[in-house]
Amino acid sequence: MPDCLPPDLTRLRDQVADLAREPLARLRDATDLPPSARAAQVRALSKAAGLFGLTQAAEPSELTLLVARETLALHGVGHLPGLFGPEAGLLEGVGEPLRSSHLLPLLAGDKRGGFAFTEPADAARPTWAEVEGDRLVISGQKSYVTGGADADFLTALVEVVGQGPAMVVIDTDLPGVTLTRRFTSLDGSHHAAFSFDQVRVPRQHAIGAPGDGRSRALGKISAVRRAIAADAVGTAAWIIDRVATELQRERRGGSRAASERIRLRYGEMRIQAYAARATVYRTARLADAGQEVVNESIAAKVFATEVANQLVDMAVQLVGGEALVTGHPLEQALRRLRALRLTEGESDTLRVNVARGHLDLGRGRL
């Protein structure tokens, strides 16, 4: 349940709300501030409030992260860069030499990592590696590499011949690594594409046991899906608050909130948001209880992002054409939320995955 939070999370929610309402909102609205300066100031505020390190805890509480992310989004600042520190991600728990060479510099902000999971549609085969002594020789392509354009290294899913899939750390300055494309999505997020031509990396750069690379990657993706769901339900609540203010505003002829037709639409918005929040909070509590929640995380991500998209579309209809003017908060939310339906798996593909999880693997719960 979103309600009935323990006292420590209630305090966290209120502290994050205070941070979001005042200093973070001012930074969001400072249109003349360079992006790098905004990110630096956001980071400083987040560190001072104890928010920055939440994602770097050894065993972060899903419910804690959900409360923080939802509250930020509820106040329209959850998309600001610099709110949370770099996460260990797939490097969590690695030993030497990766701990010293990559994990610690990543957490300190001295190195940047990218996550390379997806091949381009025209790739002849998945990215692969041949074993040559104490080296892996990697060839192939990756696209939609998150954080790739500025990455010092990539954590890439690679099919090791004779062993199976593995997550492998690949430094981007190695011979044979080529950044082939930088591109920006509708929501303003940045991505990159890479090619690998006989790239040689130490075998110690493979994370975990041979053959478990895909399951490791899916575990990381599952956590990202829960983060996306948290952002979506917080943004949905922000949208509903903006619409309520607009509907209650006095106009010539009275406020629009007096219309039964408008109330019908607004009531449906609140019902959908209520259901989405309940779904996301239940998933977080299951994860904190140590349950396997791959399918539940998919369900929460799909439902929350689909609902948020429906709500922002309805909000634009109710507010009118001014909401589509470039720079309007609802116009910005419309672009950002539309992209979330594709991020970490597009909705219909994930629906098929949920069906497969139950019908073929006996996983998932209602």
Protein backbone atom coordinates (compact mmCIF):
# COMPACT_ATOMS: atom_id res chain seq x y z
CA MET A 1 0.00 0.00 0.00
CA PRO A 2 1.21 3.55 -0.71
CA ASP A 3 -0.16 4.56 2.68
CA CYS A 4 0.69 3.14 6.11
CA LEU A 5 4.37 3.97 5.67
CA PRO A 6 6.61 3.49 8.72
CA PRO A 7 7.73 6.68 10.48
CA ASP A 8 11.19 6.74 8.90
CA LEU A 9 9.74 6.66 5.37
CA THR A 10 7.13 9.27 6.27
CA ARG A 11 9.97 11.54 7.40
CA LEU A 12 11.90 10.81 4.22
CA ARG A 13 8.84 11.61 2.09
CA ASP A 14 8.36 14.95 3.86
CA GLN A 15 12.06 15.85 3.63
CA VAL A 16 12.17 15.06 -0.08
CA ALA A 17 8.97 17.04 -0.63
CA ASP A 18 10.51 20.10 1.07
CA LEU A 19 13.61 19.76 -1.08
CA ALA A 20 11.53 19.37 -4.26
CA ARG A 21 9.08 22.21 -3.61
CA GLU A 22 11.66 24.94 -3.07
CA PRO A 23 15.32 24.66 -4.16
CA LEU A 24 14.86 21.92 -6.77
CA ALA A 25 11.82 23.60 -8.31
CA ARG A 26 13.79 26.85 -8.61
CA LEU A 27 16.61 25.06 -10.40
CA ARG A 28 14.14 23.34 -12.72
CA ASP A 29 12.61 26.67 -13.69
CA ALA A 30 15.93 28.52 -14.12
CA THR A 31 15.91 28.37 -17.91
CA ASP A 32 19.02 30.55 -18.26
CA LEU A 33 21.15 28.15 -16.20
CA PRO A 34 23.55 25.96 -18.22
CA PRO A 35 22.71 22.23 -17.90
CA SER A 36 26.08 21.41 -16.34
CA ALA A 37 25.66 24.11 -13.69
CA ARG A 38 22.10 22.94 -12.96
CA ALA A 39 23.26 19.34 -12.54
CA ALA A 40 26.08 20.42 -10.21
CA GLN A 41 23.69 22.42 -8.01
CA VAL A 42 21.13 19.59 -7.97
CA ARG A 43 23.87 17.18 -6.94
CA ALA A 44 25.03 19.44 -4.12
CA LEU A 45 21.49 19.85 -2.77
CA SER A 46 20.83 16.12 -3.01
CA LYS A 47 24.03 15.27 -1.15
CA ALA A 48 23.25 17.77 1.61
CA ALA A 49 19.79 16.23 2.02
CA GLY A 50 21.12 12.66 2.18
CA LEU A 51 19.27 11.73 -1.00
CA PHE A 52 22.23 11.28 -3.32
CA GLY A 53 23.58 8.15 -1.63
CA LEU A 54 20.32 6.18 -1.42
CA THR A 55 21.04 4.27 -4.62
CA GLN A 56 24.58 3.42 -3.46
CA ALA A 57 23.58 1.57 -0.31
CA ALA A 58 24.81 -2.02 -0.08
CA GLU A 59 21.24 -3.34 0.00
CA PRO A 60 18.96 -0.42 -0.90
CA SER A 61 15.35 -0.76 0.20
CA GLU A 62 13.00 -0.83 -2.79
CA LEU A 63 10.32 0.93 -0.75
CA THR A 64 12.73 3.68 0.27
CA LEU A 65 13.78 4.26 -3.33
CA LEU A 66 10.15 4.23 -4.45
CA VAL A 67 9.09 6.82 -1.86
CA ALA A 68 11.98 9.11 -2.83
CA ARG A 69 11.48 8.78 -6.59
CA GLU A 70 7.71 9.10 -6.47
CA THR A 71 7.88 12.18 -4.25
CA LEU A 72 10.36 13.89 -6.57
CA ALA A 73 8.18 13.14 -9.59
CA LEU A 74 5.05 14.26 -7.74
CA HIS A 75 6.61 17.72 -7.48
CA GLY A 76 7.77 17.77 -11.10
CA VAL A 77 11.51 17.48 -10.47
CA GLY A 78 12.15 13.73 -10.72
CA HIS A 79 13.76 14.08 -14.15
CA LEU A 80 16.51 16.48 -13.02
CA PRO A 81 20.04 15.07 -13.49
CA GLY A 82 22.23 14.66 -10.42
CA LEU A 83 19.56 13.61 -7.92
CA PHE A 84 21.05 10.17 -7.28
CA GLY A 85 24.61 8.93 -7.22
CA PRO A 86 25.99 6.39 -9.69
CA GLU A 87 24.80 2.87 -8.92
CA ALA A 88 27.03 -0.19 -8.84
CA GLY A 89 24.59 -1.96 -11.14
CA LEU A 90 26.09 -5.11 -12.60
CA LEU A 91 29.41 -4.37 -10.89
CA GLU A 92 27.88 -4.84 -7.46
CA GLY A 93 29.94 -7.28 -5.45
CA VAL A 94 32.70 -7.75 -8.03
CA GLY A 95 36.17 -8.70 -6.83
CA GLU A 96 39.56 -7.56 -7.96
CA PRO A 97 40.71 -6.27 -10.36
CA LEU A 98 37.33 -4.86 -11.44
CA ARG A 99 36.56 -3.53 -7.98
CA SER A 100 39.54 -1.17 -7.98
CA SER A 101 39.73 -0.47 -11.71
CA HIS A 102 36.04 0.17 -12.41
CA LEU A 103 33.59 -0.17 -9.49
CA LEU A 104 35.19 2.25 -7.01
CA PRO A 105 35.94 4.93 -9.66
CA LEU A 106 32.34 4.58 -10.87
CA LEU A 107 30.87 5.14 -7.40
CA ALA A 108 33.23 8.06 -6.82
CA GLY A 109 32.15 9.70 -10.06
CA ASP A 110 35.62 9.41 -11.60
CA LYS A 111 34.45 7.02 -14.32
CA ARG A 112 31.22 6.70 -16.26
CA GLY A 113 29.68 3.43 -17.33
CA GLY A 114 27.26 2.45 -20.09
CA PHE A 115 24.91 -0.51 -20.32
CA ALA A 116 25.07 -2.34 -23.66
CA PHE A 117 22.35 -4.98 -24.00
CA THR A 118 20.63 -4.54 -27.36
CA GLU A 119 21.92 -5.26 -30.86
CA PRO A 120 20.72 -3.13 -33.79
CA ALA A 121 17.96 -4.67 -35.90
CA ASP A 122 20.33 -5.39 -38.80
CA ALA A 123 23.02 -7.14 -36.73
CA ALA A 124 24.04 -10.44 -38.30
CA ARG A 125 24.37 -12.12 -34.90
CA PRO A 126 24.50 -11.21 -31.21
CA THR A 127 27.78 -9.73 -29.99
CA TRP A 128 30.17 -12.63 -29.37
CA ALA A 129 33.61 -13.43 -27.98
CA GLU A 130 36.23 -16.09 -28.67
CA VAL A 131 38.44 -17.23 -25.80
CA GLU A 132 42.16 -16.82 -26.54
CA GLY A 133 44.26 -17.73 -23.50
CA ASP A 134 43.64 -15.13 -20.80
CA ARG A 135 41.75 -12.84 -23.19
CA LEU A 136 38.27 -12.53 -24.67
CA VAL A 137 38.23 -11.34 -28.28
CA ILE A 138 34.94 -9.52 -28.83
CA SER A 139 33.16 -8.63 -32.09
CA GLY A 140 29.70 -7.34 -32.90
CA GLN A 141 27.49 -4.30 -32.42
CA LYS A 142 25.35 -2.68 -29.75
CA SER A 143 22.72 0.04 -30.06
CA TYR A 144 20.67 2.11 -27.60
CA VAL A 145 23.58 1.98 -25.18
CA THR A 146 22.38 3.84 -22.11
CA GLY A 147 24.96 6.42 -21.06
CA GLY A 148 27.23 5.26 -23.87
CA ALA A 149 28.11 8.57 -25.48
CA ASP A 150 30.19 9.70 -22.49
CA ALA A 151 31.10 6.29 -21.05
CA ASP A 152 34.61 5.27 -20.04
CA PHE A 153 33.54 1.64 -20.13
CA LEU A 154 30.57 -0.48 -21.15
CA THR A 155 29.03 -3.44 -19.37
CA ALA A 156 27.94 -5.48 -22.38
CA LEU A 157 26.04 -8.71 -22.90
CA VAL A 158 28.36 -10.96 -24.90
CA GLU A 159 27.88 -14.53 -26.11
CA VAL A 160 31.12 -16.32 -25.18
CA VAL A 161 31.58 -19.16 -27.64
CA GLY A 162 31.31 -22.51 -25.89
CA GLN A 163 30.31 -20.97 -22.54
CA GLY A 164 27.15 -18.95 -23.02
CA PRO A 165 26.16 -15.33 -22.34
CA ALA A 166 28.28 -13.20 -20.04
CA MET A 167 28.33 -9.59 -18.94
CA VAL A 168 31.73 -8.21 -19.89
CA VAL A 169 33.35 -4.89 -19.00
CA ILE A 170 34.77 -3.24 -22.14
CA ASP A 171 36.79 -0.03 -21.90
CA THR A 172 35.73 2.35 -24.66
CA ASP A 173 39.29 3.47 -25.42
CA LEU A 174 40.45 -0.04 -26.42
CA PRO A 175 41.53 -0.69 -30.01
CA GLY A 176 38.61 -1.97 -32.04
CA VAL A 177 35.91 -0.14 -30.05
CA THR A 178 34.14 2.44 -32.22
CA LEU A 179 31.37 4.79 -31.19
CA THR A 180 29.39 4.70 -34.44
CA ARG A 181 26.48 6.95 -33.58
CA ARG A 182 25.20 9.41 -30.97
CA PHE A 183 21.49 10.16 -30.94
CA THR A 184 18.79 11.79 -28.85
CA SER A 185 15.30 10.44 -28.20
CA LEU A 186 12.00 12.31 -28.09
CA ASP A 187 12.32 12.84 -24.34
CA GLY A 188 15.78 14.40 -24.66
CA SER A 189 17.70 11.37 -23.36
CA HIS A 190 21.02 10.53 -25.00
CA HIS A 191 22.09 7.16 -26.40
CA ALA A 192 24.87 5.69 -28.47
CA ALA A 193 25.74 2.81 -30.77
CA PHE A 194 29.04 0.91 -30.82
CA SER A 195 30.84 -1.60 -32.97
CA PHE A 196 33.47 -4.06 -31.72
CA ASP A 197 36.15 -5.42 -34.06
CA GLN A 198 38.37 -8.04 -32.43
CA VAL A 199 38.45 -6.15 -29.13
CA ARG A 200 40.70 -7.86 -26.62
CA VAL A 201 39.80 -7.68 -22.93
CA PRO A 202 41.10 -9.68 -19.94
CA ARG A 203 39.00 -12.72 -19.06
CA GLN A 204 38.69 -11.25 -15.55
CA HIS A 205 36.46 -8.59 -17.10
CA ALA A 206 33.67 -11.17 -17.41
CA ILE A 207 31.33 -10.76 -14.44
CA GLY A 208 30.14 -13.86 -12.62
CA ALA A 209 30.01 -17.45 -13.79
CA PRO A 210 29.98 -18.38 -17.49
CA GLY A 211 26.45 -18.57 -18.87
CA ASP A 212 24.71 -16.35 -16.30
CA GLY A 213 25.12 -13.09 -18.17
CA ARG A 214 21.55 -12.78 -19.38
CA SER A 215 20.04 -13.47 -15.96
CA ARG A 216 22.39 -10.90 -14.41
CA ALA A 217 21.39 -8.34 -17.03
CA LEU A 218 17.70 -9.03 -16.53
CA GLY A 219 18.13 -8.52 -12.79
CA LYS A 220 19.52 -5.04 -13.43
CA ILE A 221 16.82 -4.28 -15.98
CA SER A 222 14.18 -5.40 -13.48
CA ALA A 223 15.41 -2.81 -10.95
CA VAL A 224 15.41 -0.10 -13.62
CA ARG A 225 11.83 -1.02 -14.54
CA ARG A 226 10.77 -0.50 -10.93
CA ALA A 227 12.48 2.90 -10.95
CA ILE A 228 10.63 3.83 -14.15
CA ALA A 229 7.34 2.75 -12.60
CA ALA A 230 8.01 4.91 -9.53
CA ASP A 231 8.70 7.93 -11.72
CA ALA A 232 5.56 7.23 -13.77
CA VAL A 233 3.17 7.09 -10.79
CA GLY A 234 4.70 10.20 -9.24
CA THR A 235 4.37 12.05 -12.53
CA ALA A 236 0.77 10.82 -12.83
CA ALA A 237 -0.05 12.39 -9.47
CA TRP A 238 1.67 15.62 -10.54
CA ILE A 239 -0.44 15.67 -13.71
CA ILE A 240 -3.65 15.15 -11.76
CA ASP A 241 -2.81 18.02 -9.40
CA ARG A 242 -2.13 20.37 -12.33
CA VAL A 243 -5.40 19.40 -14.00
CA ALA A 244 -7.36 19.96 -10.78
CA THR A 245 -5.89 23.47 -10.44
CA GLU A 246 -6.74 24.23 -14.04
CA LEU A 247 -10.30 22.91 -13.76
CA GLN A 248 -11.00 24.91 -10.61
CA ARG A 249 -9.66 28.16 -12.05
CA GLU A 250 -12.37 30.77 -12.44
CA ARG A 251 -13.16 31.62 -16.03
CA ARG A 252 -15.77 33.68 -17.77
CA GLY A 253 -18.89 31.56 -17.34
CA GLY A 254 -17.53 29.69 -14.31
CA SER A 255 -14.93 27.04 -13.65
CA ARG A 256 -14.75 23.96 -15.86
CA ALA A 257 -14.96 21.79 -12.75
CA ALA A 258 -18.70 22.46 -12.71
CA SER A 259 -19.19 20.37 -15.85
CA GLU A 260 -20.40 16.81 -15.23
CA ARG A 261 -18.60 15.63 -18.36
CA ILE A 262 -15.32 17.10 -17.13
CA ARG A 263 -15.81 15.55 -13.69
CA LEU A 264 -16.35 12.15 -15.31
CA ARG A 265 -12.98 12.38 -17.06
CA TYR A 266 -11.19 13.70 -14.01
CA GLY A 267 -12.67 10.97 -11.81
CA GLU A 268 -11.40 8.32 -14.21
CA MET A 269 -7.93 9.86 -14.05
CA ARG A 270 -7.86 9.54 -10.27
CA ILE A 271 -9.11 5.92 -10.39
CA GLN A 272 -6.37 4.92 -12.85
CA ALA A 273 -3.68 6.64 -10.79
CA TYR A 274 -4.88 4.93 -7.62
CA ALA A 275 -4.63 1.49 -9.23
CA ALA A 276 -1.19 2.20 -10.68
CA ARG A 277 0.22 3.38 -7.35
CA ALA A 278 -1.09 0.28 -5.59
CA THR A 279 0.57 -1.95 -8.20
CA VAL A 280 3.94 -0.24 -7.91
CA TYR A 281 3.96 -0.19 -4.10
CA ARG A 282 3.00 -3.86 -3.86
CA THR A 283 5.87 -4.79 -6.19
CA ALA A 284 8.37 -2.83 -4.08
CA ARG A 285 7.20 -4.56 -0.89
CA LEU A 286 7.51 -7.98 -2.53
CA ALA A 287 11.05 -7.15 -3.66
CA ASP A 288 12.02 -6.00 -0.15
CA ALA A 289 10.63 -9.28 1.20
CA GLY A 290 13.17 -11.16 -0.93
CA GLN A 291 10.61 -12.45 -3.43
CA GLU A 292 11.44 -13.08 -7.09
CA VAL A 293 9.67 -10.19 -8.86
CA VAL A 294 10.83 -10.20 -12.48
CA ASN A 295 7.30 -10.58 -13.84
CA GLU A 296 5.79 -8.28 -11.23
CA SER A 297 8.33 -5.59 -12.12
CA ILE A 298 7.34 -5.93 -15.77
CA ALA A 299 3.66 -5.65 -14.86
CA ALA A 300 4.29 -2.59 -12.70
CA LYS A 301 6.37 -0.87 -15.37
CA VAL A 302 3.89 -1.54 -18.18
CA PHE A 303 0.81 -0.58 -16.16
CA ALA A 304 2.31 2.54 -14.58
CA THR A 305 3.73 3.93 -17.83
CA GLU A 306 0.58 3.14 -19.83
CA VAL A 307 -1.60 4.81 -17.19
CA ALA A 308 0.68 7.86 -16.99
CA ASN A 309 0.51 8.21 -20.78
CA GLN A 310 -3.27 8.01 -20.73
CA LEU A 311 -3.41 10.63 -18.01
CA VAL A 312 -1.11 13.13 -19.70
CA ASP A 313 -3.06 12.70 -22.93
CA MET A 314 -6.33 13.36 -21.10
CA ALA A 315 -4.74 16.30 -19.29
CA VAL A 316 -3.83 17.91 -22.61
CA GLN A 317 -7.40 17.43 -23.80
CA LEU A 318 -8.82 19.04 -20.68
CA VAL A 319 -6.36 21.92 -20.51
CA GLY A 320 -6.50 22.66 -24.23
CA GLY A 321 -4.11 23.69 -26.98
CA GLU A 322 -1.87 25.75 -24.72
CA ALA A 323 -0.66 22.48 -23.19
CA LEU A 324 0.96 21.55 -26.52
CA VAL A 325 3.03 24.72 -26.78
CA THR A 326 6.73 23.88 -26.59
CA GLY A 327 7.96 24.39 -23.05
CA HIS A 328 4.59 23.92 -21.36
CA PRO A 329 5.00 21.49 -18.42
CA LEU A 330 2.40 19.10 -19.84
CA GLU A 331 4.06 19.16 -23.27
CA GLN A 332 7.36 18.21 -21.64
CA ALA A 333 5.68 15.46 -19.62
CA LEU A 334 3.95 14.14 -22.75
CA ARG A 335 7.29 13.65 -24.53
CA ARG A 336 9.04 12.16 -21.52
CA LEU A 337 6.25 9.73 -20.63
CA ARG A 338 5.86 8.55 -24.20
CA ALA A 339 9.48 7.45 -24.22
CA LEU A 340 9.02 5.44 -21.01
CA ARG A 341 6.70 3.02 -22.81
CA LEU A 342 9.75 1.91 -24.82
CA THR A 343 12.50 2.24 -22.21
CA GLU A 344 13.74 -1.14 -20.90
CA GLY A 345 11.29 -2.99 -23.14
CA GLU A 346 8.30 -1.82 -25.15
CA SER A 347 4.93 -2.58 -23.65
CA ASP A 348 3.65 -5.29 -26.00
CA THR A 349 6.91 -7.24 -25.85
CA LEU A 350 6.76 -7.11 -22.06
CA ARG A 351 3.16 -8.32 -22.09
CA VAL A 352 4.31 -11.37 -24.05
CA ASN A 353 7.12 -11.88 -21.54
CA VAL A 354 4.65 -11.89 -18.65
CA ALA A 355 2.57 -14.52 -20.44
CA ARG A 356 5.68 -16.61 -21.09
CA GLY A 357 6.74 -16.22 -17.46
CA HIS A 358 3.56 -17.91 -16.29
CA LEU A 359 2.68 -20.31 -19.13
CA ASP A 360 6.19 -21.62 -19.78
CA LEU A 361 8.01 -21.04 -16.50
CA GLY A 362 5.30 -20.97 -13.86
CA ARG A 363 6.48 -17.57 -12.60
CA GLY A 364 4.59 -14.48 -11.53
CA ARG A 365 1.61 -13.76 -9.32
CA LEU A 366 -1.60 -11.77 -9.47
